[in-house]
């Protein structure tokens, strides 16, 4: 099918009239080839200026991209350091909070007594000891 259509198109193209060059075309082309080449300084200068401007723009864009990448890496390092510091602070806060809790809760409360007997209550063995605090308890007691 394709071969048949290709042949038809080729035959139709052969039937078209041939283009003819204007009289003297060949002579004019040969004369121009023999003439010394003129240098157009304005055109060359414009081309050189446009090329320099394009190179400068490309350089500025690539420098900006490199600077942004460097800035991004620096920001990532700073963010990582900040996260590590935050984790260390949270761990230290947890340790300090635990120590404060241990210090502020008296494990033993002196209830009183006489020369023969002292009454002492171990709050670690009493249920809900965290909720109930003795009325006489003061931090300077221990």
N, C-alpha and C. Protein backbone atom coordinates (compact mmCIF):
# COMPACT_ATOMS: atom_id res chain seq x y z
N UNK A 1 0.82 -1.19 0.00
CA UNK A 1 0.00 0.00 0.00
C UNK A 1 0.87 1.26 0.00
N UNK A 2 1.89 1.26 0.88
CA UNK A 2 2.77 2.43 0.95
C UNK A 2 3.55 2.60 -0.35
N UNK A 3 4.02 1.50 -0.92
CA UNK A 3 4.78 1.58 -2.16
C UNK A 3 3.93 2.19 -3.28
N UNK A 4 2.68 1.80 -3.34
CA UNK A 4 1.78 2.30 -4.36
C UNK A 4 1.56 3.81 -4.22
N UNK A 5 1.32 4.28 -2.98
CA UNK A 5 1.11 5.72 -2.74
C UNK A 5 2.39 6.50 -3.00
N UNK A 6 3.52 5.92 -2.63
CA UNK A 6 4.80 6.59 -2.85
C UNK A 6 5.06 6.78 -4.34
N UNK A 7 4.73 5.78 -5.12
CA UNK A 7 4.91 5.88 -6.56
C UNK A 7 4.00 6.96 -7.15
N UNK A 8 2.76 6.98 -6.67
CA UNK A 8 1.82 8.00 -7.16
C UNK A 8 2.32 9.40 -6.85
N UNK A 9 2.82 9.60 -5.62
CA UNK A 9 3.32 10.92 -5.23
C UNK A 9 4.53 11.29 -6.07
N UNK A 10 5.42 10.34 -6.30
CA UNK A 10 6.61 10.60 -7.11
C UNK A 10 6.22 11.00 -8.53
N UNK A 11 5.23 10.32 -9.11
CA UNK A 11 4.78 10.66 -10.46
C UNK A 11 4.15 12.05 -10.52
N UNK A 12 3.36 12.38 -9.49
CA UNK A 12 2.75 13.72 -9.44
C UNK A 12 3.82 14.81 -9.32
N UNK A 13 4.84 14.53 -8.53
CA UNK A 13 5.92 15.51 -8.38
C UNK A 13 6.68 15.70 -9.69
N UNK A 14 6.87 14.65 -10.45
CA UNK A 14 7.58 14.74 -11.74
C UNK A 14 6.79 15.56 -12.75
N UNK A 15 5.49 15.54 -12.61
CA UNK A 15 4.64 16.28 -13.55
C UNK A 15 4.63 17.78 -13.27
N UNK A 16 5.06 18.19 -12.08
CA UNK A 16 5.09 19.63 -11.75
C UNK A 16 6.14 20.32 -12.62
N UNK A 17 5.91 21.59 -12.96
CA UNK A 17 6.92 22.31 -13.75
C UNK A 17 8.16 22.58 -12.90
N UNK A 18 9.30 22.52 -13.55
CA UNK A 18 10.58 22.75 -12.87
C UNK A 18 10.77 24.23 -12.62
N UNK A 19 11.39 24.55 -11.48
CA UNK A 19 11.72 25.94 -11.19
C UNK A 19 12.95 26.33 -12.00
N UNK A 20 12.93 27.52 -12.54
CA UNK A 20 14.05 28.01 -13.32
C UNK A 20 14.65 29.23 -12.61
N UNK A 21 15.95 29.28 -12.58
CA UNK A 21 16.62 30.44 -12.01
C UNK A 21 16.45 31.62 -12.94
N UNK A 22 16.45 32.82 -12.39
CA UNK A 22 16.33 34.02 -13.23
C UNK A 22 17.57 34.14 -14.11
N UNK A 23 17.42 34.83 -15.20
CA UNK A 23 18.58 34.99 -16.09
C UNK A 23 19.71 35.73 -15.34
N UNK A 24 20.91 35.25 -15.47
CA UNK A 24 22.08 35.88 -14.88
C UNK A 24 22.35 35.46 -13.44
N UNK A 25 21.58 34.53 -12.91
CA UNK A 25 21.76 34.09 -11.52
C UNK A 25 23.15 33.50 -11.30
N UNK A 26 23.55 32.59 -12.15
CA UNK A 26 24.83 31.93 -12.00
C UNK A 26 25.97 32.94 -12.09
N UNK A 27 25.90 33.89 -13.02
CA UNK A 27 26.95 34.90 -13.17
C UNK A 27 27.05 35.76 -11.92
N UNK A 28 25.92 36.15 -11.36
CA UNK A 28 25.95 36.99 -10.15
C UNK A 28 26.57 36.24 -8.98
N UNK A 29 26.23 34.98 -8.81
CA UNK A 29 26.80 34.18 -7.71
C UNK A 29 28.30 34.06 -7.88
N UNK A 30 28.77 33.80 -9.08
CA UNK A 30 30.21 33.67 -9.30
C UNK A 30 30.94 34.99 -9.07
N UNK A 31 30.33 36.12 -9.43
CA UNK A 31 30.95 37.43 -9.19
C UNK A 31 31.09 37.68 -7.69
N UNK A 32 30.06 37.34 -6.93
CA UNK A 32 30.11 37.57 -5.48
C UNK A 32 31.18 36.70 -4.82
N UNK A 33 31.39 35.52 -5.35
CA UNK A 33 32.42 34.65 -4.81
C UNK A 33 33.81 35.21 -5.07
N UNK A 34 33.97 35.91 -6.18
CA UNK A 34 35.27 36.48 -6.53
C UNK A 34 35.56 37.77 -5.77
N UNK A 35 34.55 38.48 -5.27
CA UNK A 35 34.76 39.74 -4.56
C UNK A 35 35.45 39.48 -3.22
N UNK A 36 36.31 40.43 -2.79
CA UNK A 36 36.89 40.27 -1.46
C UNK A 36 35.80 40.41 -0.39
N UNK A 37 35.94 39.64 0.63
CA UNK A 37 34.92 39.63 1.69
C UNK A 37 35.02 40.89 2.52
N UNK A 38 33.87 41.56 2.67
CA UNK A 38 33.82 42.76 3.49
C UNK A 38 33.53 42.36 4.94
N UNK A 39 34.20 42.99 5.85
CA UNK A 39 33.99 42.70 7.27
C UNK A 39 33.08 43.78 7.84
N UNK A 40 31.98 43.35 8.39
CA UNK A 40 31.01 44.26 8.99
C UNK A 40 31.31 44.33 10.49
N UNK A 41 32.03 45.40 10.87
CA UNK A 41 32.44 45.52 12.27
C UNK A 41 31.26 45.73 13.20
N UNK A 42 30.25 46.48 12.75
CA UNK A 42 29.10 46.71 13.61
C UNK A 42 28.38 45.40 13.93
N UNK A 43 28.20 44.58 12.92
CA UNK A 43 27.53 43.29 13.13
C UNK A 43 28.35 42.38 14.02
N UNK A 44 29.68 42.35 13.79
CA UNK A 44 30.55 41.52 14.63
C UNK A 44 30.57 42.02 16.06
N UNK A 45 30.61 43.34 16.23
CA UNK A 45 30.62 43.90 17.58
C UNK A 45 29.33 43.56 18.32
N UNK A 46 28.22 43.67 17.62
CA UNK A 46 26.93 43.33 18.25
C UNK A 46 26.89 41.86 18.65
N UNK A 47 27.40 41.02 17.75
CA UNK A 47 27.43 39.59 18.05
C UNK A 47 28.31 39.31 19.26
N UNK A 48 29.50 39.94 19.29
CA UNK A 48 30.41 39.74 20.42
C UNK A 48 29.79 40.26 21.72
N UNK A 49 29.13 41.41 21.65
CA UNK A 49 28.48 41.97 22.84
C UNK A 49 27.36 41.06 23.32
N UNK A 50 26.55 40.55 22.42
CA UNK A 50 25.46 39.65 22.79
C UNK A 50 26.01 38.36 23.40
N UNK A 51 27.10 37.85 22.81
CA UNK A 51 27.71 36.63 23.34
C UNK A 51 28.26 36.87 24.74
N UNK A 52 28.95 37.99 24.93
CA UNK A 52 29.50 38.31 26.26
C UNK A 52 28.38 38.46 27.28
N UNK A 53 27.29 39.10 26.89
CA UNK A 53 26.17 39.27 27.81
C UNK A 53 25.56 37.92 28.18
N UNK A 54 25.42 37.03 27.20
CA UNK A 54 24.87 35.70 27.47
C UNK A 54 25.77 34.92 28.42
N UNK A 55 27.10 35.00 28.20
CA UNK A 55 28.04 34.31 29.07
C UNK A 55 27.97 34.88 30.48
N UNK A 56 27.88 36.20 30.60
CA UNK A 56 27.81 36.84 31.90
C UNK A 56 26.54 36.43 32.65
N UNK A 57 25.42 36.38 31.97
CA UNK A 57 24.16 35.95 32.59
C UNK A 57 24.26 34.50 33.05
N UNK A 58 24.83 33.64 32.19
CA UNK A 58 24.98 32.23 32.55
C UNK A 58 25.88 32.08 33.77
N UNK A 59 26.97 32.85 33.81
CA UNK A 59 27.87 32.81 34.95
C UNK A 59 27.18 33.28 36.22
N UNK A 60 26.42 34.36 36.14
CA UNK A 60 25.71 34.89 37.31
C UNK A 60 24.69 33.88 37.84
N UNK A 61 23.99 33.24 36.93
CA UNK A 61 22.99 32.25 37.36
C UNK A 61 23.66 31.06 38.03
N UNK A 62 24.75 30.55 37.43
CA UNK A 62 25.42 29.40 38.02
C UNK A 62 26.05 29.77 39.37
N UNK A 63 26.60 30.97 39.48
CA UNK A 63 27.17 31.40 40.77
C UNK A 63 26.07 31.50 41.82
N UNK A 64 24.92 32.03 41.43
CA UNK A 64 23.79 32.11 42.37
C UNK A 64 23.32 30.74 42.83
N UNK A 65 23.27 29.81 41.89
CA UNK A 65 22.84 28.44 42.24
C UNK A 65 23.85 27.82 43.20
N UNK A 66 25.14 27.98 42.93
CA UNK A 66 26.17 27.42 43.82
C UNK A 66 26.11 28.05 45.20
N UNK A 67 25.91 29.35 45.24
CA UNK A 67 25.82 30.03 46.55
C UNK A 67 24.60 29.54 47.32
N UNK A 68 23.50 29.34 46.64
CA UNK A 68 22.28 28.87 47.29
C UNK A 68 22.46 27.46 47.82
N UNK A 69 23.14 26.62 47.03
CA UNK A 69 23.39 25.26 47.49
C UNK A 69 24.28 25.27 48.73
N UNK A 70 25.32 26.10 48.72
CA UNK A 70 26.20 26.21 49.88
C UNK A 70 25.45 26.72 51.09
N UNK A 71 24.58 27.67 50.87
CA UNK A 71 23.78 28.22 51.96
C UNK A 71 22.83 27.16 52.49
N UNK A 72 22.28 26.35 51.61
CA UNK A 72 21.37 25.28 52.02
C UNK A 72 22.09 24.24 52.86
N UNK A 73 23.32 23.89 52.47
CA UNK A 73 24.10 22.92 53.24
C UNK A 73 24.43 23.48 54.61
N UNK A 74 24.78 24.77 54.66
CA UNK A 74 25.08 25.40 55.95
C UNK A 74 23.84 25.40 56.83
N UNK A 75 22.70 25.71 56.24
CA UNK A 75 21.45 25.71 57.02
C UNK A 75 21.12 24.32 57.53
N UNK A 76 21.39 23.30 56.72
CA UNK A 76 21.14 21.93 57.16
C UNK A 76 22.04 21.56 58.33
N UNK A 77 23.33 21.96 58.26
CA UNK A 77 24.25 21.67 59.36
C UNK A 77 23.79 22.38 60.64
N UNK A 78 23.37 23.64 60.50
CA UNK A 78 22.91 24.39 61.66
C UNK A 78 21.64 23.77 62.24
N UNK A 79 20.74 23.33 61.39
CA UNK A 79 19.50 22.70 61.85
C UNK A 79 19.81 21.39 62.57
N UNK A 80 20.75 20.61 62.04
CA UNK A 80 21.13 19.36 62.68
C UNK A 80 21.75 19.62 64.06
N UNK A 81 22.62 20.62 64.14
CA UNK A 81 23.24 20.97 65.42
C UNK A 81 22.18 21.44 66.40
N UNK A 82 21.21 22.23 65.93
CA UNK A 82 20.15 22.71 66.81
C UNK A 82 19.30 21.55 67.31
N UNK A 83 19.00 20.57 66.43
CA UNK A 83 18.22 19.40 66.86
C UNK A 83 18.97 18.59 67.90
N UNK A 84 20.28 18.41 67.70
CA UNK A 84 21.08 17.67 68.67
C UNK A 84 21.10 18.39 70.01
N UNK A 85 21.26 19.71 69.98
CA UNK A 85 21.26 20.48 71.21
C UNK A 85 19.92 20.37 71.91
N UNK A 86 18.85 20.44 71.14
CA UNK A 86 17.51 20.32 71.71
C UNK A 86 17.30 18.96 72.37
N UNK A 87 17.77 17.90 71.72
CA UNK A 87 17.65 16.55 72.30
C UNK A 87 18.46 16.45 73.60
N UNK A 88 19.66 17.03 73.62
CA UNK A 88 20.47 17.02 74.83
C UNK A 88 19.78 17.79 75.96
N UNK A 89 19.19 18.94 75.61
CA UNK A 89 18.48 19.72 76.62
C UNK A 89 17.27 18.97 77.16
N UNK A 90 16.55 18.28 76.28
CA UNK A 90 15.39 17.50 76.73
C UNK A 90 15.82 16.37 77.65
N UNK A 91 16.92 15.70 77.31
CA UNK A 91 17.42 14.61 78.16
C UNK A 91 17.85 15.16 79.52
N UNK A 92 18.56 16.27 79.52
CA UNK A 92 19.00 16.89 80.78
C UNK A 92 17.80 17.35 81.60
N UNK A 93 16.79 17.90 80.93
CA UNK A 93 15.57 18.34 81.63
C UNK A 93 14.89 17.14 82.29
N UNK A 94 14.85 16.02 81.59
CA UNK A 94 14.25 14.82 82.18
C UNK A 94 15.01 14.34 83.39
N UNK A 95 16.34 14.37 83.31
CA UNK A 95 17.15 13.95 84.46
C UNK A 95 16.94 14.89 85.65
N UNK A 96 16.95 16.19 85.39
CA UNK A 96 16.76 17.16 86.46
C UNK A 96 15.36 17.05 87.08
N UNK A 97 14.37 16.83 86.24
CA UNK A 97 13.00 16.68 86.73
C UNK A 97 12.89 15.46 87.63
N UNK A 98 13.55 14.36 87.25
CA UNK A 98 13.54 13.15 88.07
C UNK A 98 14.24 13.39 89.41
N UNK A 99 15.39 14.05 89.36
CA UNK A 99 16.11 14.35 90.61
C UNK A 99 15.27 15.24 91.51
N UNK A 100 14.64 16.27 90.95
CA UNK A 100 13.81 17.16 91.74
C UNK A 100 12.64 16.41 92.37
N UNK A 101 12.07 15.50 91.63
CA UNK A 101 10.96 14.71 92.16
C UNK A 101 11.44 13.84 93.31
N UNK A 102 12.63 13.24 93.15
CA UNK A 102 13.18 12.39 94.22
C UNK A 102 13.51 13.22 95.46
N UNK A 103 14.00 14.42 95.27
CA UNK A 103 14.36 15.27 96.40
C UNK A 103 13.12 15.80 97.11
N UNK A 104 12.12 16.21 96.35
CA UNK A 104 10.97 16.87 96.95
C UNK A 104 10.02 15.90 97.63
N UNK A 105 10.06 14.63 97.33
CA UNK A 105 9.19 13.66 97.99
C UNK A 105 9.97 13.00 99.12
N UNK A 106 9.54 13.24 100.35
CA UNK A 106 10.28 12.62 101.46
C UNK A 106 9.97 11.12 101.51
N UNK A 107 10.98 10.31 101.49
CA UNK A 107 10.73 8.88 101.54
C UNK A 107 10.24 8.42 102.92
N UNK A 108 10.63 9.18 103.95
CA UNK A 108 10.27 8.78 105.32
C UNK A 108 9.78 10.00 106.07
N UNK A 109 8.68 9.84 106.82
CA UNK A 109 8.12 10.94 107.60
C UNK A 109 8.16 10.54 109.08
N UNK A 110 8.72 11.42 109.89
CA UNK A 110 8.77 11.19 111.33
C UNK A 110 7.43 11.61 111.93
N UNK A 111 6.73 10.67 112.56
CA UNK A 111 5.41 10.93 113.12
C UNK A 111 5.46 11.33 114.59
N UNK A 112 6.53 11.09 115.25
CA UNK A 112 6.65 11.46 116.66
C UNK A 112 7.08 10.27 117.50
N UNK A 113 7.04 10.46 118.76
CA UNK A 113 7.40 9.37 119.65
C UNK A 113 7.85 9.91 121.00
N UNK A 114 8.40 9.01 121.79
CA UNK A 114 8.93 9.41 123.10
C UNK A 114 10.30 8.80 123.27
N UNK A 115 10.77 8.69 124.55
CA UNK A 115 12.11 8.16 124.77
C UNK A 115 12.23 6.70 124.39
N UNK A 116 11.14 6.02 124.37
CA UNK A 116 11.21 4.59 124.10
C UNK A 116 10.92 4.23 122.63
N UNK A 117 10.03 5.00 121.97
CA UNK A 117 9.59 4.62 120.63
C UNK A 117 9.57 5.85 119.73
N UNK A 118 10.02 5.65 118.48
CA UNK A 118 9.88 6.67 117.44
C UNK A 118 8.96 6.09 116.37
N UNK A 119 7.97 6.90 115.97
CA UNK A 119 7.05 6.46 114.91
C UNK A 119 7.49 7.10 113.58
N UNK A 120 7.84 6.24 112.64
CA UNK A 120 8.32 6.68 111.33
C UNK A 120 7.46 5.98 110.27
N UNK A 121 7.05 6.77 109.27
CA UNK A 121 6.23 6.23 108.18
C UNK A 121 7.03 6.30 106.88
N UNK A 122 7.19 5.15 106.24
CA UNK A 122 7.88 5.08 104.95
C UNK A 122 6.82 5.29 103.87
N UNK A 123 6.85 6.45 103.19
CA UNK A 123 5.83 6.80 102.20
C UNK A 123 5.92 5.97 100.93
N UNK A 124 7.04 5.34 100.69
CA UNK A 124 7.16 4.50 99.51
C UNK A 124 6.30 3.24 99.62
N UNK A 125 5.95 2.88 100.85
CA UNK A 125 5.15 1.68 101.07
C UNK A 125 3.67 1.98 101.25
N UNK A 126 3.30 3.26 101.18
CA UNK A 126 1.92 3.66 101.33
C UNK A 126 1.35 3.94 99.95
N UNK A 127 0.13 3.45 99.69
CA UNK A 127 -0.50 3.71 98.41
C UNK A 127 -0.83 5.18 98.28
N UNK A 128 -0.72 5.68 97.06
CA UNK A 128 -1.05 7.08 96.74
C UNK A 128 -0.23 8.06 97.55
N UNK A 129 0.98 7.71 97.83
CA UNK A 129 1.85 8.58 98.61
C UNK A 129 2.18 9.86 97.86
N UNK A 130 2.13 9.81 96.52
CA UNK A 130 2.43 11.01 95.76
C UNK A 130 1.34 12.06 95.95
N UNK A 131 0.12 11.59 96.17
CA UNK A 131 -1.01 12.51 96.28
C UNK A 131 -1.08 13.11 97.68
N UNK A 132 -0.84 12.30 98.68
CA UNK A 132 -0.97 12.75 100.07
C UNK A 132 0.38 13.21 100.57
N UNK A 133 0.44 14.44 101.04
CA UNK A 133 1.67 14.96 101.63
C UNK A 133 1.35 15.36 103.07
N UNK A 134 2.23 15.03 104.00
CA UNK A 134 1.96 15.38 105.41
C UNK A 134 1.87 16.89 105.58
N UNK A 135 0.99 17.32 106.47
CA UNK A 135 0.79 18.75 106.69
C UNK A 135 2.02 19.39 107.31
N UNK A 136 2.75 18.63 108.10
CA UNK A 136 3.91 19.18 108.79
C UNK A 136 5.17 19.16 107.94
N UNK A 137 5.05 18.61 106.75
CA UNK A 137 6.24 18.51 105.91
C UNK A 137 6.65 19.87 105.39
N UNK A 138 7.91 20.19 105.58
CA UNK A 138 8.52 21.39 105.02
C UNK A 138 9.84 20.97 104.41
N UNK A 139 10.26 21.64 103.35
CA UNK A 139 11.50 21.25 102.69
C UNK A 139 12.71 21.35 103.61
N UNK A 140 12.70 22.21 104.60
CA UNK A 140 13.88 22.35 105.46
C UNK A 140 13.88 21.34 106.60
N UNK A 141 12.89 20.45 106.64
CA UNK A 141 12.83 19.44 107.70
C UNK A 141 13.93 18.41 107.55
N UNK A 142 14.25 18.06 106.33
CA UNK A 142 15.22 16.98 106.11
C UNK A 142 16.58 17.51 105.85
